[in-house]
Amino acid sequence: MDDFLLNPYVSLYIGAFVQWSFLMAFLYSLVTSINNPKKEALWLSLIMSISYSSSMFIDIQNISYIQLFFSDLITFLAILIVSNFLTKNIFSTYLLLGLSINSLLFFCMHLDVSVFNNSTPWWFWSFYSLGINLIDFIMILVLFINKDFLGLVRLKKAFFQ
């Protein structure tokens, strides 16, 4: 398993970069919302920053996939509750979809490793490693650029209207 997945030091640095990026997204949103009546990015980036920064207080090497699943589920519910009080925007769409995909990947890894006791690397493990990091970077990017760069909001409107 160690030959296939990311080196623990590399994953530690990627995790630290993701935590730092969500914190910077929050600070960026704080600065840009000072004279702006719309505070959606501020509240949603605060939730994401708190959620991802909380991993500083846990042993990331010994946490299970189901615990990560529940952590993302709690963050998902917090964003869902807060977004009901805010105007609908692209931030909540991207964050909710990203957290849904991350949660699904965590749950599938839990099934594979803990329930089915699989210890042999296969294609899903590399898909998981790439998918989790890619989704995290997309969520960070949307908090900074505030654009529907993947067309998810247009796709959502096409399906629900």
C-alpha atoms as a PDB file:
ATOM      1  CA  MET A   1       0.000   0.000   0.000  1.00  0.00           C
ATOM      2  CA  ASP A   2       2.884   2.365   0.726  1.00  0.00           C
ATOM      3  CA  ASP A   3       4.243   1.978  -2.810  1.00  0.00           C
ATOM      4  CA  PHE A   4       0.959   2.967  -4.399  1.00  0.00           C
ATOM      5  CA  LEU A   5      -0.458   5.857  -2.422  1.00  0.00           C
ATOM      6  CA  LEU A   6       1.182   9.191  -1.760  1.00  0.00           C
ATOM      7  CA  ASN A   7       4.141   9.338   0.549  1.00  0.00           C
ATOM      8  CA  PRO A   8       2.917  10.352   4.048  1.00  0.00           C
ATOM      9  CA  TYR A   9       5.174  13.420   3.981  1.00  0.00           C
ATOM     10  CA  VAL A  10       3.803  14.531   0.613  1.00  0.00           C
ATOM     11  CA  SER A  11       0.221  14.063   1.769  1.00  0.00           C
ATOM     12  CA  LEU A  12       1.041  15.986   4.951  1.00  0.00           C
ATOM     13  CA  TYR A  13       2.322  18.913   2.872  1.00  0.00           C
ATOM     14  CA  ILE A  14      -0.691  18.792   0.559  1.00  0.00           C
ATOM     15  CA  GLY A  15      -2.992  18.771   3.596  1.00  0.00           C
ATOM     16  CA  ALA A  16      -1.164  21.737   5.109  1.00  0.00           C
ATOM     17  CA  PHE A  17      -1.401  23.601   1.812  1.00  0.00           C
ATOM     18  CA  VAL A  18      -5.149  22.923   1.586  1.00  0.00           C
ATOM     19  CA  GLN A  19      -5.670  24.119   5.179  1.00  0.00           C
ATOM     20  CA  TRP A  20      -3.622  27.241   4.504  1.00  0.00           C
ATOM     21  CA  SER A  21      -5.512  27.879   1.243  1.00  0.00           C
ATOM     22  CA  PHE A  22      -8.919  27.710   2.934  1.00  0.00           C
ATOM     23  CA  LEU A  23      -7.653  30.082   5.614  1.00  0.00           C
ATOM     24  CA  MET A  24      -6.385  32.468   2.923  1.00  0.00           C
ATOM     25  CA  ALA A  25      -9.726  32.187   1.114  1.00  0.00           C
ATOM     26  CA  PHE A  26     -11.452  33.203   4.339  1.00  0.00           C
ATOM     27  CA  LEU A  27      -9.105  36.155   4.867  1.00  0.00           C
ATOM     28  CA  TYR A  28      -9.509  37.184   1.228  1.00  0.00           C
ATOM     29  CA  SER A  29     -13.295  37.021   1.606  1.00  0.00           C
ATOM     30  CA  LEU A  30     -13.064  39.015   4.824  1.00  0.00           C
ATOM     31  CA  VAL A  31     -11.115  41.782   3.125  1.00  0.00           C
ATOM     32  CA  THR A  32     -13.272  41.898  -0.007  1.00  0.00           C
ATOM     33  CA  SER A  33     -16.545  41.890   1.949  1.00  0.00           C
ATOM     34  CA  ILE A  34     -15.792  44.880   4.148  1.00  0.00           C
ATOM     35  CA  ASN A  35     -17.690  47.374   1.986  1.00  0.00           C
ATOM     36  CA  ASN A  36     -19.803  44.781   0.230  1.00  0.00           C
ATOM     37  CA  PRO A  37     -23.305  43.909   1.476  1.00  0.00           C
ATOM     38  CA  LYS A  38     -22.989  40.346   0.124  1.00  0.00           C
ATOM     39  CA  LYS A  39     -21.280  38.173   2.726  1.00  0.00           C
ATOM     40  CA  GLU A  40     -21.908  34.711   1.234  1.00  0.00           C
ATOM     41  CA  ALA A  41     -18.267  34.014   0.431  1.00  0.00           C
ATOM     42  CA  LEU A  42     -17.230  35.151   3.893  1.00  0.00           C
ATOM     43  CA  TRP A  43     -19.572  32.787   5.748  1.00  0.00           C
ATOM     44  CA  LEU A  44     -18.969  29.800   3.512  1.00  0.00           C
ATOM     45  CA  SER A  45     -15.197  30.231   3.517  1.00  0.00           C
ATOM     46  CA  LEU A  46     -15.318  30.532   7.322  1.00  0.00           C
ATOM     47  CA  ILE A  47     -17.106  27.182   7.549  1.00  0.00           C
ATOM     48  CA  MET A  48     -14.614  25.553   5.188  1.00  0.00           C
ATOM     49  CA  SER A  49     -11.666  27.093   7.022  1.00  0.00           C
ATOM     50  CA  ILE A  50     -12.903  25.864  10.399  1.00  0.00           C
ATOM     51  CA  SER A  51     -13.653  22.413   9.010  1.00  0.00           C
ATOM     52  CA  TYR A  52     -10.287  21.925   7.353  1.00  0.00           C
ATOM     53  CA  SER A  53      -8.311  23.621  10.136  1.00  0.00           C
ATOM     54  CA  SER A  54      -9.820  21.280  12.698  1.00  0.00           C
ATOM     55  CA  SER A  55      -7.655  18.537  11.235  1.00  0.00           C
ATOM     56  CA  MET A  56      -4.656  20.216  12.866  1.00  0.00           C
ATOM     57  CA  PHE A  57      -5.898  18.850  16.175  1.00  0.00           C
ATOM     58  CA  ILE A  58      -6.276  15.231  15.103  1.00  0.00           C
ATOM     59  CA  ASP A  59      -3.717  12.592  14.227  1.00  0.00           C
ATOM     60  CA  ILE A  60      -4.197  12.436  10.478  1.00  0.00           C
ATOM     61  CA  GLN A  61      -2.181   9.199  10.223  1.00  0.00           C
ATOM     62  CA  ASN A  62      -4.591   7.304  12.508  1.00  0.00           C
ATOM     63  CA  ILE A  63      -7.974   8.680  11.486  1.00  0.00           C
ATOM     64  CA  SER A  64     -10.354   6.339   9.714  1.00  0.00           C
ATOM     65  CA  TYR A  65     -12.139   6.982   6.449  1.00  0.00           C
ATOM     66  CA  ILE A  66     -15.519   6.843   8.166  1.00  0.00           C
ATOM     67  CA  GLN A  67     -14.457   9.647  10.520  1.00  0.00           C
ATOM     68  CA  LEU A  68     -13.435  11.730   7.508  1.00  0.00           C
ATOM     69  CA  PHE A  69     -16.785  10.885   5.918  1.00  0.00           C
ATOM     70  CA  PHE A  70     -18.669  12.162   8.971  1.00  0.00           C
ATOM     71  CA  SER A  71     -16.478  15.273   9.139  1.00  0.00           C
ATOM     72  CA  ASP A  72     -17.368  16.139   5.544  1.00  0.00           C
ATOM     73  CA  LEU A  73     -21.005  15.307   6.228  1.00  0.00           C
ATOM     74  CA  ILE A  74     -21.087  17.759   9.172  1.00  0.00           C
ATOM     75  CA  THR A  75     -19.457  20.423   7.009  1.00  0.00           C
ATOM     76  CA  PHE A  76     -21.974  19.683   4.246  1.00  0.00           C
ATOM     77  CA  LEU A  77     -24.885  20.143   6.662  1.00  0.00           C
ATOM     78  CA  ALA A  78     -23.400  23.374   8.043  1.00  0.00           C
ATOM     79  CA  ILE A  79     -23.079  24.806   4.533  1.00  0.00           C
ATOM     80  CA  LEU A  80     -26.574  23.641   3.662  1.00  0.00           C
ATOM     81  CA  ILE A  81     -28.026  25.355   6.741  1.00  0.00           C
ATOM     82  CA  VAL A  82     -26.084  28.586   6.246  1.00  0.00           C
ATOM     83  CA  SER A  83     -26.805  28.704   2.506  1.00  0.00           C
ATOM     84  CA  ASN A  84     -30.551  28.615   3.234  1.00  0.00           C
ATOM     85  CA  PHE A  85     -30.175  32.007   4.940  1.00  0.00           C
ATOM     86  CA  LEU A  86     -28.028  33.432   2.148  1.00  0.00           C
ATOM     87  CA  THR A  87     -28.838  34.187  -1.458  1.00  0.00           C
ATOM     88  CA  LYS A  88     -28.113  31.298  -3.794  1.00  0.00           C
ATOM     89  CA  ASN A  89     -24.681  31.614  -5.326  1.00  0.00           C
ATOM     90  CA  ILE A  90     -21.964  29.627  -7.012  1.00  0.00           C
ATOM     91  CA  PHE A  91     -20.022  29.167  -3.779  1.00  0.00           C
ATOM     92  CA  SER A  92     -22.586  26.910  -2.157  1.00  0.00           C
ATOM     93  CA  THR A  93     -23.108  24.898  -5.348  1.00  0.00           C
ATOM     94  CA  TYR A  94     -19.417  24.133  -5.754  1.00  0.00           C
ATOM     95  CA  LEU A  95     -18.802  23.520  -2.054  1.00  0.00           C
ATOM     96  CA  LEU A  96     -21.805  21.222  -1.648  1.00  0.00           C
ATOM     97  CA  LEU A  97     -20.922  19.239  -4.761  1.00  0.00           C
ATOM     98  CA  GLY A  98     -17.260  19.048  -3.741  1.00  0.00           C
ATOM     99  CA  LEU A  99     -18.081  17.873  -0.238  1.00  0.00           C
ATOM    100  CA  SER A 100     -20.537  15.331  -1.649  1.00  0.00           C
ATOM    101  CA  ILE A 101     -17.883  13.858  -3.917  1.00  0.00           C
ATOM    102  CA  ASN A 102     -15.297  13.842  -1.118  1.00  0.00           C
ATOM    103  CA  SER A 103     -17.775  12.153   1.224  1.00  0.00           C
ATOM    104  CA  LEU A 104     -18.585   9.531  -1.372  1.00  0.00           C
ATOM    105  CA  LEU A 105     -14.885   8.829  -1.917  1.00  0.00           C
ATOM    106  CA  PHE A 106     -14.263   8.563   1.843  1.00  0.00           C
ATOM    107  CA  PHE A 107     -17.201   6.180   2.218  1.00  0.00           C
ATOM    108  CA  CYS A 108     -16.050   4.015  -0.687  1.00  0.00           C
ATOM    109  CA  MET A 109     -12.534   3.833   0.780  1.00  0.00           C
ATOM    110  CA  HIS A 110     -14.051   2.879   4.130  1.00  0.00           C
ATOM    111  CA  LEU A 111     -15.968   0.064   2.455  1.00  0.00           C
ATOM    112  CA  ASP A 112     -12.919  -1.098   0.545  1.00  0.00           C
ATOM    113  CA  VAL A 113     -10.394  -0.996   3.389  1.00  0.00           C
ATOM    114  CA  SER A 114     -12.435  -1.543   6.554  1.00  0.00           C
ATOM    115  CA  VAL A 115     -15.467  -3.566   5.493  1.00  0.00           C
ATOM    116  CA  PHE A 116     -13.994  -5.671   2.662  1.00  0.00           C
ATOM    117  CA  ASN A 117     -10.504  -5.736   4.284  1.00  0.00           C
ATOM    118  CA  ASN A 118      -8.780  -4.995   0.996  1.00  0.00           C
ATOM    119  CA  SER A 119      -5.073  -4.252   1.339  1.00  0.00           C
ATOM    120  CA  THR A 120      -4.114  -4.723  -2.289  1.00  0.00           C
ATOM    121  CA  PRO A 121      -3.738  -1.503  -4.284  1.00  0.00           C
ATOM    122  CA  TRP A 122      -6.036  -1.112  -7.234  1.00  0.00           C
ATOM    123  CA  TRP A 123      -7.108   1.718  -9.572  1.00  0.00           C
ATOM    124  CA  PHE A 124      -9.673   3.137  -7.140  1.00  0.00           C
ATOM    125  CA  TRP A 125      -6.972   4.027  -4.612  1.00  0.00           C
ATOM    126  CA  SER A 126      -5.163   6.264  -7.094  1.00  0.00           C
ATOM    127  CA  PHE A 127      -8.511   7.693  -8.226  1.00  0.00           C
ATOM    128  CA  TYR A 128      -9.282   8.445  -4.572  1.00  0.00           C
ATOM    129  CA  SER A 129      -5.926  10.188  -3.987  1.00  0.00           C
ATOM    130  CA  LEU A 130      -6.238  12.286  -7.109  1.00  0.00           C
ATOM    131  CA  GLY A 131      -9.974  12.965  -6.669  1.00  0.00           C
ATOM    132  CA  ILE A 132      -9.813  14.191  -3.067  1.00  0.00           C
ATOM    133  CA  ASN A 133      -6.998  16.623  -3.813  1.00  0.00           C
ATOM    134  CA  LEU A 134      -8.504  17.838  -7.095  1.00  0.00           C
ATOM    135  CA  ILE A 135     -11.894  18.510  -5.489  1.00  0.00           C
ATOM    136  CA  ASP A 136     -10.238  20.379  -2.606  1.00  0.00           C
ATOM    137  CA  PHE A 137      -8.346  22.598  -5.055  1.00  0.00           C
ATOM    138  CA  ILE A 138     -11.509  23.288  -7.064  1.00  0.00           C
ATOM    139  CA  MET A 139     -13.354  24.338  -3.888  1.00  0.00           C
ATOM    140  CA  ILE A 140     -10.464  26.636  -2.956  1.00  0.00           C
ATOM    141  CA  LEU A 141     -10.319  28.085  -6.445  1.00  0.00           C
ATOM    142  CA  VAL A 142     -14.021  28.945  -6.555  1.00  0.00           C
ATOM    143  CA  LEU A 143     -13.716  30.854  -3.261  1.00  0.00           C
ATOM    144  CA  PHE A 144     -11.021  33.041  -4.811  1.00  0.00           C
ATOM    145  CA  ILE A 145     -12.241  33.629  -8.358  1.00  0.00           C
ATOM    146  CA  ASN A 146     -16.040  33.633  -7.817  1.00  0.00           C
ATOM    147  CA  LYS A 147     -16.746  32.314 -11.312  1.00  0.00           C
ATOM    148  CA  ASP A 148     -18.688  29.319 -12.583  1.00  0.00           C
ATOM    149  CA  PHE A 149     -15.614  28.014 -14.414  1.00  0.00           C
ATOM    150  CA  LEU A 150     -16.932  24.437 -14.723  1.00  0.00           C
ATOM    151  CA  GLY A 151     -20.476  25.446 -15.676  1.00  0.00           C
ATOM    152  CA  LEU A 152     -22.026  23.675 -12.695  1.00  0.00           C
ATOM    153  CA  VAL A 153     -24.481  26.471 -11.901  1.00  0.00           C
ATOM    154  CA  ARG A 154     -25.701  26.564 -15.509  1.00  0.00           C
ATOM    155  CA  LEU A 155     -26.032  22.781 -15.469  1.00  0.00           C
ATOM    156  CA  LYS A 156     -27.943  22.938 -12.182  1.00  0.00           C
ATOM    157  CA  LYS A 157     -30.311  25.561 -13.594  1.00  0.00           C
ATOM    158  CA  ALA A 158     -30.876  23.470 -16.722  1.00  0.00           C
ATOM    159  CA  PHE A 159     -31.845  20.417 -14.672  1.00  0.00           C
ATOM    160  CA  PHE A 160     -34.031  22.160 -12.089  1.00  0.00           C
ATOM    161  CA  GLN A 161     -35.933  24.538 -14.367  1.00  0.00           C
END
